[in-house]
Amino acid sequence: MKLLLLGMNIQKINLESTNYPKLLKEIYDPPKQLYVWGELKSEENYPLAVVGTRKISSYGKQATTDLVRNLTKAGLTIISGLALGVDGLAHQACLDVNGRTIAVLGSGLNKIYPSLHKKLAEKIVTSGGAVISEYEPDQGPTKWNFPARNRIVAGMSLGVLVIEAPEGSGALITASCSLDLGREVFAVPGNIYQANSFGTNRLIKMGAKPVSQAEDILDALNLELTSPIKKEIKPANPEEKIILEILTLEPLHIDEIIKQSKLEAPVVSSTLIMMEIVGKIKNLGQGHYGLKI
């Protein structure tokens, strides 16, 4: 069923629809219907929820931007709630690097909330993503809608990353939903004296995985990325240039590096050591090396 509202081509789907998200079907109370503006797929490419406080700090802005951009470059789909603060910044950071992102609303698609993010919603759709809601298109936001919305954000995702969350934050509800579903919860640690770090630090105490770089999430989810994107690294010499052209995010043994580079073994060994020291590559153990994101 397709509806045309405010110039938007909206599709109404149900549990039997071919593009209903498979992960969402697994939760105990999946929405019986979804209104979709844009393109929704039954299986997204490594979907990860990114959530946090509306009153984001400068630290939270930097963490959200850096982490989301690198996760997007690595091939993940970013799921969030279009709210002010962390949510909106996560969507925008994903779009900045031409990624795919999905916004889940706590209102109908004809009543996009917050209204400040109407343009952002349009950008999400025109970039190939989607804005979705379980509510009738003309339904406005209510305080009861958002906790229900959060179960969808968690339900569509392999895990949730909480950037900043003070006590009582809705982001903690999303994290709780993920825990109930047996999915991963990640949290960015913060200053113990800052209110915005109360929730994330508590989540870490409870067993959430602390995150300081995108690799922490990729390693935890054991993802095999189909199209890794190399970090922009300037080689210091011709030997580094040759090795950088060989390495990817996937581990590569030093013997294979020597073989492909056609360099002498001592040269490869010393070059890898220097590149690891300056942070250009990572040593994965047992003679395996890979690029950093």
C-alpha atoms as a PDB file:
ATOM      1  CA  MET A   1       0.000   0.000   0.000  1.00  0.00           C
ATOM      2  CA  LYS A   2       1.390   3.394  -0.980  1.00  0.00           C
ATOM      3  CA  LEU A   3       0.277   6.780   0.318  1.00  0.00           C
ATOM      4  CA  LEU A   4       1.227  10.236  -0.933  1.00  0.00           C
ATOM      5  CA  LEU A   5       1.517  12.753   1.889  1.00  0.00           C
ATOM      6  CA  LEU A   6       3.088  16.200   1.645  1.00  0.00           C
ATOM      7  CA  GLY A   7       4.832  15.121  -1.533  1.00  0.00           C
ATOM      8  CA  MET A   8       6.269  12.038   0.188  1.00  0.00           C
ATOM      9  CA  ASN A   9       5.850   8.610  -1.366  1.00  0.00           C
ATOM     10  CA  ILE A  10       5.041   6.552   1.735  1.00  0.00           C
ATOM     11  CA  GLN A  11       4.712   2.776   1.754  1.00  0.00           C
ATOM     12  CA  LYS A  12       2.782   0.869   4.401  1.00  0.00           C
ATOM     13  CA  ILE A  13       4.209  -2.584   5.097  1.00  0.00           C
ATOM     14  CA  ASN A  14       3.390  -5.422   7.501  1.00  0.00           C
ATOM     15  CA  LEU A  15       5.095  -8.488   8.947  1.00  0.00           C
ATOM     16  CA  GLU A  16       4.545 -10.426   5.731  1.00  0.00           C
ATOM     17  CA  SER A  17       6.076  -7.771   3.481  1.00  0.00           C
ATOM     18  CA  THR A  18       9.317  -8.732   1.763  1.00  0.00           C
ATOM     19  CA  ASN A  19      11.104  -5.603   2.977  1.00  0.00           C
ATOM     20  CA  TYR A  20      10.074  -5.898   6.630  1.00  0.00           C
ATOM     21  CA  PRO A  21      13.333  -5.979   8.658  1.00  0.00           C
ATOM     22  CA  LYS A  22      14.201  -9.555   9.625  1.00  0.00           C
ATOM     23  CA  LEU A  23      15.944  -8.581  12.853  1.00  0.00           C
ATOM     24  CA  LEU A  24      12.880  -6.627  13.940  1.00  0.00           C
ATOM     25  CA  LYS A  25      10.678  -9.694  13.478  1.00  0.00           C
ATOM     26  CA  GLU A  26      12.713 -11.431  16.181  1.00  0.00           C
ATOM     27  CA  ILE A  27      11.601  -9.159  19.034  1.00  0.00           C
ATOM     28  CA  TYR A  28       8.682 -10.200  21.234  1.00  0.00           C
ATOM     29  CA  ASP A  29       6.424  -7.350  20.121  1.00  0.00           C
ATOM     30  CA  PRO A  30       7.347  -6.299  16.571  1.00  0.00           C
ATOM     31  CA  PRO A  31       5.169  -3.542  15.108  1.00  0.00           C
ATOM     32  CA  LYS A  32       2.395  -5.068  13.017  1.00  0.00           C
ATOM     33  CA  GLN A  33       2.786  -2.298  10.490  1.00  0.00           C
ATOM     34  CA  LEU A  34       5.418   0.207   9.465  1.00  0.00           C
ATOM     35  CA  TYR A  35       5.099   3.354   7.404  1.00  0.00           C
ATOM     36  CA  VAL A  36       8.192   3.789   5.268  1.00  0.00           C
ATOM     37  CA  TRP A  37       9.480   6.893   3.509  1.00  0.00           C
ATOM     38  CA  GLY A  38      12.450   5.883   1.393  1.00  0.00           C
ATOM     39  CA  GLU A  39      14.028   2.480   0.904  1.00  0.00           C
ATOM     40  CA  LEU A  40      13.816  -0.163   3.631  1.00  0.00           C
ATOM     41  CA  LYS A  41      15.461  -3.571   3.248  1.00  0.00           C
ATOM     42  CA  SER A  42      14.699  -6.855   4.967  1.00  0.00           C
ATOM     43  CA  GLU A  43      18.421  -7.270   5.646  1.00  0.00           C
ATOM     44  CA  GLU A  44      20.519  -4.167   6.214  1.00  0.00           C
ATOM     45  CA  ASN A  45      24.308  -4.188   5.948  1.00  0.00           C
ATOM     46  CA  TYR A  46      25.547  -4.527   9.542  1.00  0.00           C
ATOM     47  CA  PRO A  47      22.907  -2.293  11.212  1.00  0.00           C
ATOM     48  CA  LEU A  48      24.073  -0.537  14.376  1.00  0.00           C
ATOM     49  CA  ALA A  49      21.980   1.747  16.575  1.00  0.00           C
ATOM     50  CA  VAL A  50      23.680   4.949  17.726  1.00  0.00           C
ATOM     51  CA  VAL A  51      21.868   6.857  20.476  1.00  0.00           C
ATOM     52  CA  GLY A  52      22.452   9.347  23.253  1.00  0.00           C
ATOM     53  CA  THR A  53      21.409  12.521  24.977  1.00  0.00           C
ATOM     54  CA  ARG A  54      19.727  15.478  23.297  1.00  0.00           C
ATOM     55  CA  LYS A  55      21.963  17.838  25.310  1.00  0.00           C
ATOM     56  CA  ILE A  56      25.191  16.705  23.724  1.00  0.00           C
ATOM     57  CA  SER A  57      28.535  18.078  24.920  1.00  0.00           C
ATOM     58  CA  SER A  58      31.515  19.026  22.771  1.00  0.00           C
ATOM     59  CA  TYR A  59      33.093  15.712  23.800  1.00  0.00           C
ATOM     60  CA  GLY A  60      29.957  13.877  22.696  1.00  0.00           C
ATOM     61  CA  LYS A  61      29.923  15.707  19.370  1.00  0.00           C
ATOM     62  CA  GLN A  62      33.503  14.728  18.628  1.00  0.00           C
ATOM     63  CA  ALA A  63      32.954  11.104  19.704  1.00  0.00           C
ATOM     64  CA  THR A  64      29.742  10.771  17.677  1.00  0.00           C
ATOM     65  CA  THR A  65      31.220  12.292  14.528  1.00  0.00           C
ATOM     66  CA  ASP A  66      34.475  10.325  14.602  1.00  0.00           C
ATOM     67  CA  LEU A  67      32.964   6.967  15.517  1.00  0.00           C
ATOM     68  CA  VAL A  68      30.006   7.131  13.142  1.00  0.00           C
ATOM     69  CA  ARG A  69      32.071   8.273  10.183  1.00  0.00           C
ATOM     70  CA  ASN A  70      34.548   5.438  10.666  1.00  0.00           C
ATOM     71  CA  LEU A  71      31.818   2.854  11.245  1.00  0.00           C
ATOM     72  CA  THR A  72      30.039   4.053   8.120  1.00  0.00           C
ATOM     73  CA  LYS A  73      33.232   3.885   6.073  1.00  0.00           C
ATOM     74  CA  ALA A  74      33.629   0.313   7.267  1.00  0.00           C
ATOM     75  CA  GLY A  75      30.245  -0.563   5.782  1.00  0.00           C
ATOM     76  CA  LEU A  76      27.784  -0.340   8.682  1.00  0.00           C
ATOM     77  CA  THR A  77      24.229   0.999   8.420  1.00  0.00           C
ATOM     78  CA  ILE A  78      23.437   3.555  11.138  1.00  0.00           C
ATOM     79  CA  ILE A  79      20.048   3.378  12.899  1.00  0.00           C
ATOM     80  CA  SER A  80      18.855   6.189  15.176  1.00  0.00           C
ATOM     81  CA  GLY A  81      15.829   8.221  16.215  1.00  0.00           C
ATOM     82  CA  LEU A  82      16.234  11.616  14.469  1.00  0.00           C
ATOM     83  CA  ALA A  83      16.163  13.382  17.854  1.00  0.00           C
ATOM     84  CA  LEU A  84      18.226  16.461  18.661  1.00  0.00           C
ATOM     85  CA  GLY A  85      21.728  15.835  19.959  1.00  0.00           C
ATOM     86  CA  VAL A  86      23.434  12.485  19.406  1.00  0.00           C
ATOM     87  CA  ASP A  87      20.720  11.018  17.148  1.00  0.00           C
ATOM     88  CA  GLY A  88      20.694  13.824  14.622  1.00  0.00           C
ATOM     89  CA  LEU A  89      24.474  14.124  14.620  1.00  0.00           C
ATOM     90  CA  ALA A  90      24.823  10.383  14.034  1.00  0.00           C
ATOM     91  CA  HIS A  91      22.548  10.571  10.978  1.00  0.00           C
ATOM     92  CA  GLN A  92      24.454  13.584   9.644  1.00  0.00           C
ATOM     93  CA  ALA A  93      27.898  12.072  10.238  1.00  0.00           C
ATOM     94  CA  CYS A  94      26.791   8.997   8.300  1.00  0.00           C
ATOM     95  CA  LEU A  95      25.539  11.128   5.417  1.00  0.00           C
ATOM     96  CA  ASP A  96      28.774  13.133   5.413  1.00  0.00           C
ATOM     97  CA  VAL A  97      30.651  10.056   4.225  1.00  0.00           C
ATOM     98  CA  ASN A  98      27.911   8.907   1.834  1.00  0.00           C
ATOM     99  CA  GLY A  99      26.603   6.173   4.112  1.00  0.00           C
ATOM    100  CA  ARG A 100      23.202   4.601   4.640  1.00  0.00           C
ATOM    101  CA  THR A 101      21.151   5.596   7.663  1.00  0.00           C
ATOM    102  CA  ILE A 102      17.622   4.908   8.903  1.00  0.00           C
ATOM    103  CA  ALA A 103      15.607   7.159  11.215  1.00  0.00           C
ATOM    104  CA  VAL A 104      12.857   5.708  13.418  1.00  0.00           C
ATOM    105  CA  LEU A 105      10.264   8.269  14.530  1.00  0.00           C
ATOM    106  CA  GLY A 106       8.139   8.571  17.650  1.00  0.00           C
ATOM    107  CA  SER A 107       5.489  10.318  15.550  1.00  0.00           C
ATOM    108  CA  GLY A 108       3.785   9.830  12.219  1.00  0.00           C
ATOM    109  CA  LEU A 109       5.650  10.615   9.007  1.00  0.00           C
ATOM    110  CA  ASN A 110       3.347  13.543   8.368  1.00  0.00           C
ATOM    111  CA  LYS A 111       4.341  15.012  11.756  1.00  0.00           C
ATOM    112  CA  ILE A 112       8.123  14.710  11.691  1.00  0.00           C
ATOM    113  CA  TYR A 113       9.537  15.495  15.119  1.00  0.00           C
ATOM    114  CA  PRO A 114      11.516  17.513  15.882  1.00  0.00           C
ATOM    115  CA  SER A 115      10.500  19.860  13.100  1.00  0.00           C
ATOM    116  CA  LEU A 116      14.065  21.194  13.002  1.00  0.00           C
ATOM    117  CA  HIS A 117      15.063  17.877  11.463  1.00  0.00           C
ATOM    118  CA  LYS A 118      12.658  17.866   8.523  1.00  0.00           C
ATOM    119  CA  LYS A 119      15.485  18.774   6.152  1.00  0.00           C
ATOM    120  CA  LEU A 120      17.666  16.073   7.683  1.00  0.00           C
ATOM    121  CA  ALA A 121      14.882  13.547   7.134  1.00  0.00           C
ATOM    122  CA  GLU A 122      14.708  14.569   3.477  1.00  0.00           C
ATOM    123  CA  LYS A 123      18.478  14.153   3.118  1.00  0.00           C
ATOM    124  CA  ILE A 124      18.286  10.684   4.645  1.00  0.00           C
ATOM    125  CA  VAL A 125      15.701   9.627   2.074  1.00  0.00           C
ATOM    126  CA  THR A 126      17.326  11.273  -0.953  1.00  0.00           C
ATOM    127  CA  SER A 127      20.643   9.641  -0.028  1.00  0.00           C
ATOM    128  CA  GLY A 128      19.069   6.190  -0.243  1.00  0.00           C
ATOM    129  CA  GLY A 129      18.097   5.671   3.387  1.00  0.00           C
ATOM    130  CA  ALA A 130      14.700   5.604   5.044  1.00  0.00           C
ATOM    131  CA  VAL A 131      12.557   7.333   7.655  1.00  0.00           C
ATOM    132  CA  ILE A 132      10.068   4.960   9.287  1.00  0.00           C
ATOM    133  CA  SER A 133       7.341   4.901  11.928  1.00  0.00           C
ATOM    134  CA  GLU A 134       4.809   2.454  13.334  1.00  0.00           C
ATOM    135  CA  TYR A 135       2.346   5.308  13.858  1.00  0.00           C
ATOM    136  CA  GLU A 136      -0.352   6.573  11.531  1.00  0.00           C
ATOM    137  CA  PRO A 137       1.040   9.402   9.355  1.00  0.00           C
ATOM    138  CA  ASP A 138      -0.941  12.179  11.048  1.00  0.00           C
ATOM    139  CA  GLN A 139      -0.189  11.115  14.633  1.00  0.00           C
ATOM    140  CA  GLY A 140       1.825  13.654  16.594  1.00  0.00           C
ATOM    141  CA  PRO A 141       4.517  12.850  19.151  1.00  0.00           C
ATOM    142  CA  THR A 142       3.612  11.882  22.722  1.00  0.00           C
ATOM    143  CA  LYS A 143       5.871  10.986  25.641  1.00  0.00           C
ATOM    144  CA  TRP A 144       4.618   7.387  25.441  1.00  0.00           C
ATOM    145  CA  ASN A 145       5.632   7.001  21.810  1.00  0.00           C
ATOM    146  CA  PHE A 146       9.359   7.356  22.326  1.00  0.00           C
ATOM    147  CA  PRO A 147      10.028   4.382  24.635  1.00  0.00           C
ATOM    148  CA  ALA A 148       8.051   2.263  22.131  1.00  0.00           C
ATOM    149  CA  ARG A 149      10.096   3.791  19.290  1.00  0.00           C
ATOM    150  CA  ASN A 150      13.305   2.826  21.081  1.00  0.00           C
ATOM    151  CA  ARG A 151      12.412  -0.882  20.949  1.00  0.00           C
ATOM    152  CA  ILE A 152      12.304  -0.586  17.153  1.00  0.00           C
ATOM    153  CA  VAL A 153      15.692   1.134  17.022  1.00  0.00           C
ATOM    154  CA  ALA A 154      17.159  -1.678  19.132  1.00  0.00           C
ATOM    155  CA  GLY A 155      15.202  -4.384  17.340  1.00  0.00           C
ATOM    156  CA  MET A 156      16.514  -3.414  13.907  1.00  0.00           C
ATOM    157  CA  SER A 157      20.141  -3.471  15.044  1.00  0.00           C
ATOM    158  CA  LEU A 158      22.884  -5.971  15.819  1.00  0.00           C
ATOM    159  CA  GLY A 159      23.769  -3.801  18.778  1.00  0.00           C
ATOM    160  CA  VAL A 160      23.503  -0.315  20.196  1.00  0.00           C
ATOM    161  CA  LEU A 161      26.211   2.284  20.810  1.00  0.00           C
ATOM    162  CA  VAL A 162      25.420   4.808  23.546  1.00  0.00           C
ATOM    163  CA  ILE A 163      27.525   7.957  23.209  1.00  0.00           C
ATOM    164  CA  GLU A 164      26.363  10.121  26.136  1.00  0.00           C
ATOM    165  CA  ALA A 165      23.428   9.470  28.463  1.00  0.00           C
ATOM    166  CA  PRO A 166      22.555  11.159  31.754  1.00  0.00           C
ATOM    167  CA  GLU A 167      20.411   9.406  34.343  1.00  0.00           C
ATOM    168  CA  GLY A 168      16.899   8.808  32.980  1.00  0.00           C
ATOM    169  CA  SER A 169      17.952   9.224  29.334  1.00  0.00           C
ATOM    170  CA  GLY A 170      15.844   7.508  26.686  1.00  0.00           C
ATOM    171  CA  ALA A 171      19.084   6.129  25.270  1.00  0.00           C
ATOM    172  CA  LEU A 172      19.278   3.854  28.308  1.00  0.00           C
ATOM    173  CA  ILE A 173      15.870   2.422  27.370  1.00  0.00           C
ATOM    174  CA  THR A 174      17.253   1.544  23.954  1.00  0.00           C
ATOM    175  CA  ALA A 175      20.264  -0.095  25.607  1.00  0.00           C
ATOM    176  CA  SER A 176      17.955  -2.043  27.914  1.00  0.00           C
ATOM    177  CA  CYS A 177      15.951  -3.263  24.916  1.00  0.00           C
ATOM    178  CA  SER A 178      19.164  -4.485  23.275  1.00  0.00           C
ATOM    179  CA  LEU A 179      20.165  -6.350  26.425  1.00  0.00           C
ATOM    180  CA  ASP A 180      16.727  -7.982  26.618  1.00  0.00           C
ATOM    181  CA  LEU A 181      17.156  -9.118  23.008  1.00  0.00           C
ATOM    182  CA  GLY A 182      20.575 -10.581  23.710  1.00  0.00           C
ATOM    183  CA  ARG A 183      22.293  -8.103  21.430  1.00  0.00           C
ATOM    184  CA  GLU A 184      25.472  -6.131  21.999  1.00  0.00           C
ATOM    185  CA  VAL A 185      25.628  -2.917  24.010  1.00  0.00           C
ATOM    186  CA  PHE A 186      28.529  -0.524  23.581  1.00  0.00           C
ATOM    187  CA  ALA A 187      29.204   2.666  25.515  1.00  0.00           C
ATOM    188  CA  VAL A 188      31.647   5.546  25.253  1.00  0.00           C
ATOM    189  CA  PRO A 189      33.225   6.144  28.678  1.00  0.00           C
ATOM    190  CA  GLY A 190      33.198   9.698  29.965  1.00  0.00           C
ATOM    191  CA  ASN A 191      34.247  12.061  32.727  1.00  0.00           C
ATOM    192  CA  ILE A 192      32.978  10.708  36.067  1.00  0.00           C
ATOM    193  CA  TYR A 193      32.044  14.259  37.120  1.00  0.00           C
ATOM    194  CA  GLN A 194      29.863  14.970  34.084  1.00  0.00           C
ATOM    195  CA  ALA A 195      26.135  14.185  34.201  1.00  0.00           C
ATOM    196  CA  ASN A 196      26.159  13.114  30.546  1.00  0.00           C
ATOM    197  CA  SER A 197      28.537  10.283  31.411  1.00  0.00           C
ATOM    198  CA  PHE A 198      26.451   8.798  34.227  1.00  0.00           C
ATOM    199  CA  GLY A 199      24.522   6.429  32.004  1.00  0.00           C
ATOM    200  CA  THR A 200      27.401   5.301  29.791  1.00  0.00           C
ATOM    201  CA  ASN A 201      29.754   4.686  32.706  1.00  0.00           C
ATOM    202  CA  ARG A 202      27.029   2.714  34.514  1.00  0.00           C
ATOM    203  CA  LEU A 203      26.407   0.617  31.402  1.00  0.00           C
ATOM    204  CA  ILE A 204      30.109  -0.257  31.302  1.00  0.00           C
ATOM    205  CA  LYS A 205      29.961  -1.322  34.972  1.00  0.00           C
ATOM    206  CA  MET A 206      27.042  -3.566  34.045  1.00  0.00           C
ATOM    207  CA  GLY A 207      28.987  -5.250  31.255  1.00  0.00           C
ATOM    208  CA  ALA A 208      28.617  -3.016  28.203  1.00  0.00           C
ATOM    209  CA  LYS A 209      31.727  -2.954  26.034  1.00  0.00           C
ATOM    210  CA  PRO A 210      33.682   0.319  26.338  1.00  0.00           C
ATOM    211  CA  VAL A 211      34.376   1.994  23.011  1.00  0.00           C
ATOM    212  CA  SER A 212      37.137   4.441  22.131  1.00  0.00           C
ATOM    213  CA  GLN A 213      37.436   3.667  18.423  1.00  0.00           C
ATOM    214  CA  ALA A 214      35.375   2.047  15.683  1.00  0.00           C
ATOM    215  CA  GLU A 215      37.554  -1.065  15.761  1.00  0.00           C
ATOM    216  CA  ASP A 216      36.249  -1.912  19.237  1.00  0.00           C
ATOM    217  CA  ILE A 217      32.780  -2.421  17.763  1.00  0.00           C
ATOM    218  CA  LEU A 218      33.929  -4.187  14.606  1.00  0.00           C
ATOM    219  CA  ASP A 219      36.011  -6.641  16.620  1.00  0.00           C
ATOM    220  CA  ALA A 220      33.203  -7.324  19.104  1.00  0.00           C
ATOM    221  CA  LEU A 221      30.696  -8.037  16.348  1.00  0.00           C
ATOM    222  CA  ASN A 222      33.262 -10.142  14.471  1.00  0.00           C
ATOM    223  CA  LEU A 223      32.289  -8.505  11.237  1.00  0.00           C
ATOM    224  CA  GLU A 224      33.675  -9.573   7.906  1.00  0.00           C
ATOM    225  CA  LEU A 225      33.467  -6.422   5.876  1.00  0.00           C
ATOM    226  CA  THR A 226      32.885  -6.789   2.164  1.00  0.00           C
ATOM    227  CA  SER A 227      34.286  -3.434   1.103  1.00  0.00           C
ATOM    228  CA  PRO A 228      36.666  -1.992   3.694  1.00  0.00           C
ATOM    229  CA  ILE A 229      37.762   1.548   3.094  1.00  0.00           C
ATOM    230  CA  LYS A 230      41.380   2.355   3.691  1.00  0.00           C
ATOM    231  CA  LYS A 231      42.278   5.169   6.028  1.00  0.00           C
ATOM    232  CA  GLU A 232      44.106   8.048   4.349  1.00  0.00           C
ATOM    233  CA  ILE A 233      47.710   7.341   5.375  1.00  0.00           C
ATOM    234  CA  LYS A 234      50.753   9.025   3.922  1.00  0.00           C
ATOM    235  CA  PRO A 235      53.692   6.676   3.401  1.00  0.00           C
ATOM    236  CA  ALA A 236      57.034   7.863   4.769  1.00  0.00           C
ATOM    237  CA  ASN A 237      59.088   6.026   2.145  1.00  0.00           C
ATOM    238  CA  PRO A 238      58.710   3.789  -0.943  1.00  0.00           C
ATOM    239  CA  GLU A 239      58.638   0.623   1.192  1.00  0.00           C
ATOM    240  CA  GLU A 240      55.702   1.906   3.252  1.00  0.00           C
ATOM    241  CA  LYS A 241      53.882   2.862   0.070  1.00  0.00           C
ATOM    242  CA  ILE A 242      54.176  -0.687  -1.278  1.00  0.00           C
ATOM    243  CA  ILE A 243      53.001  -2.251   1.986  1.00  0.00           C
ATOM    244  CA  LEU A 244      50.071   0.156   2.408  1.00  0.00           C
ATOM    245  CA  GLU A 245      48.820  -0.812  -1.028  1.00  0.00           C
ATOM    246  CA  ILE A 246      48.745  -4.449   0.080  1.00  0.00           C
ATOM    247  CA  LEU A 247      47.196  -4.186   3.543  1.00  0.00           C
ATOM    248  CA  THR A 248      43.438  -4.064   4.222  1.00  0.00           C
ATOM    249  CA  LEU A 249      41.325  -4.274   7.399  1.00  0.00           C
ATOM    250  CA  GLU A 250      41.551  -8.059   7.149  1.00  0.00           C
ATOM    251  CA  PRO A 251      44.599  -9.667   8.842  1.00  0.00           C
ATOM    252  CA  LEU A 252      47.498 -10.507   6.525  1.00  0.00           C
ATOM    253  CA  HIS A 253      50.477 -12.618   7.586  1.00  0.00           C
ATOM    254  CA  ILE A 254      53.958 -11.151   7.235  1.00  0.00           C
ATOM    255  CA  ASP A 255      54.986 -14.006   4.927  1.00  0.00           C
ATOM    256  CA  GLU A 256      52.188 -13.005   2.541  1.00  0.00           C
ATOM    257  CA  ILE A 257      53.217  -9.357   2.792  1.00  0.00           C
ATOM    258  CA  ILE A 258      56.791 -10.300   1.871  1.00  0.00           C
ATOM    259  CA  LYS A 259      55.544 -12.409  -1.024  1.00  0.00           C
ATOM    260  CA  GLN A 260      53.220  -9.737  -2.445  1.00  0.00           C
ATOM    261  CA  SER A 261      55.576  -6.797  -1.868  1.00  0.00           C
ATOM    262  CA  LYS A 262      58.631  -8.600  -3.305  1.00  0.00           C
ATOM    263  CA  LEU A 263      60.730  -6.816  -0.675  1.00  0.00           C
ATOM    264  CA  GLU A 264      63.435  -8.454   1.420  1.00  0.00           C
ATOM    265  CA  ALA A 265      62.155  -9.993   4.676  1.00  0.00           C
ATOM    266  CA  PRO A 266      64.281  -7.758   6.987  1.00  0.00           C
ATOM    267  CA  VAL A 267      63.037  -4.663   5.144  1.00  0.00           C
ATOM    268  CA  VAL A 268      59.398  -5.710   5.526  1.00  0.00           C
ATOM    269  CA  SER A 269      59.874  -6.584   9.203  1.00  0.00           C
ATOM    270  CA  SER A 270      61.547  -3.279  10.127  1.00  0.00           C
ATOM    271  CA  THR A 271      59.050  -1.259   8.073  1.00  0.00           C
ATOM    272  CA  LEU A 272      56.081  -2.946   9.754  1.00  0.00           C
ATOM    273  CA  ILE A 273      57.567  -2.248  13.192  1.00  0.00           C
ATOM    274  CA  MET A 274      57.974   1.456  12.428  1.00  0.00           C
ATOM    275  CA  MET A 275      54.469   1.702  10.916  1.00  0.00           C
ATOM    276  CA  GLU A 276      53.006   0.066  14.021  1.00  0.00           C
ATOM    277  CA  ILE A 277      54.889   2.433  16.345  1.00  0.00           C
ATOM    278  CA  VAL A 278      53.492   5.532  14.607  1.00  0.00           C
ATOM    279  CA  GLY A 279      49.965   4.081  14.497  1.00  0.00           C
ATOM    280  CA  LYS A 280      49.598   3.514  10.762  1.00  0.00           C
ATOM    281  CA  ILE A 281      48.850  -0.197  11.092  1.00  0.00           C
ATOM    282  CA  LYS A 282      47.840  -2.666  13.795  1.00  0.00           C
ATOM    283  CA  ASN A 283      49.650  -5.803  14.912  1.00  0.00           C
ATOM    284  CA  LEU A 284      46.999  -8.501  15.283  1.00  0.00           C
ATOM    285  CA  GLY A 285      49.369 -11.073  16.734  1.00  0.00           C
ATOM    286  CA  GLN A 286      51.098 -14.195  15.411  1.00  0.00           C
ATOM    287  CA  GLY A 287      52.634 -12.272  12.531  1.00  0.00           C
ATOM    288  CA  HIS A 288      49.379 -10.809  11.229  1.00  0.00           C
ATOM    289  CA  TYR A 289      48.957  -7.128  10.353  1.00  0.00           C
ATOM    290  CA  GLY A 290      46.115  -4.919   9.153  1.00  0.00           C
ATOM    291  CA  LEU A 291      45.153  -1.313   8.556  1.00  0.00           C
ATOM    292  CA  LYS A 292      43.621   0.860  11.240  1.00  0.00           C
ATOM    293  CA  ILE A 293      40.250   2.451  10.437  1.00  0.00           C
END
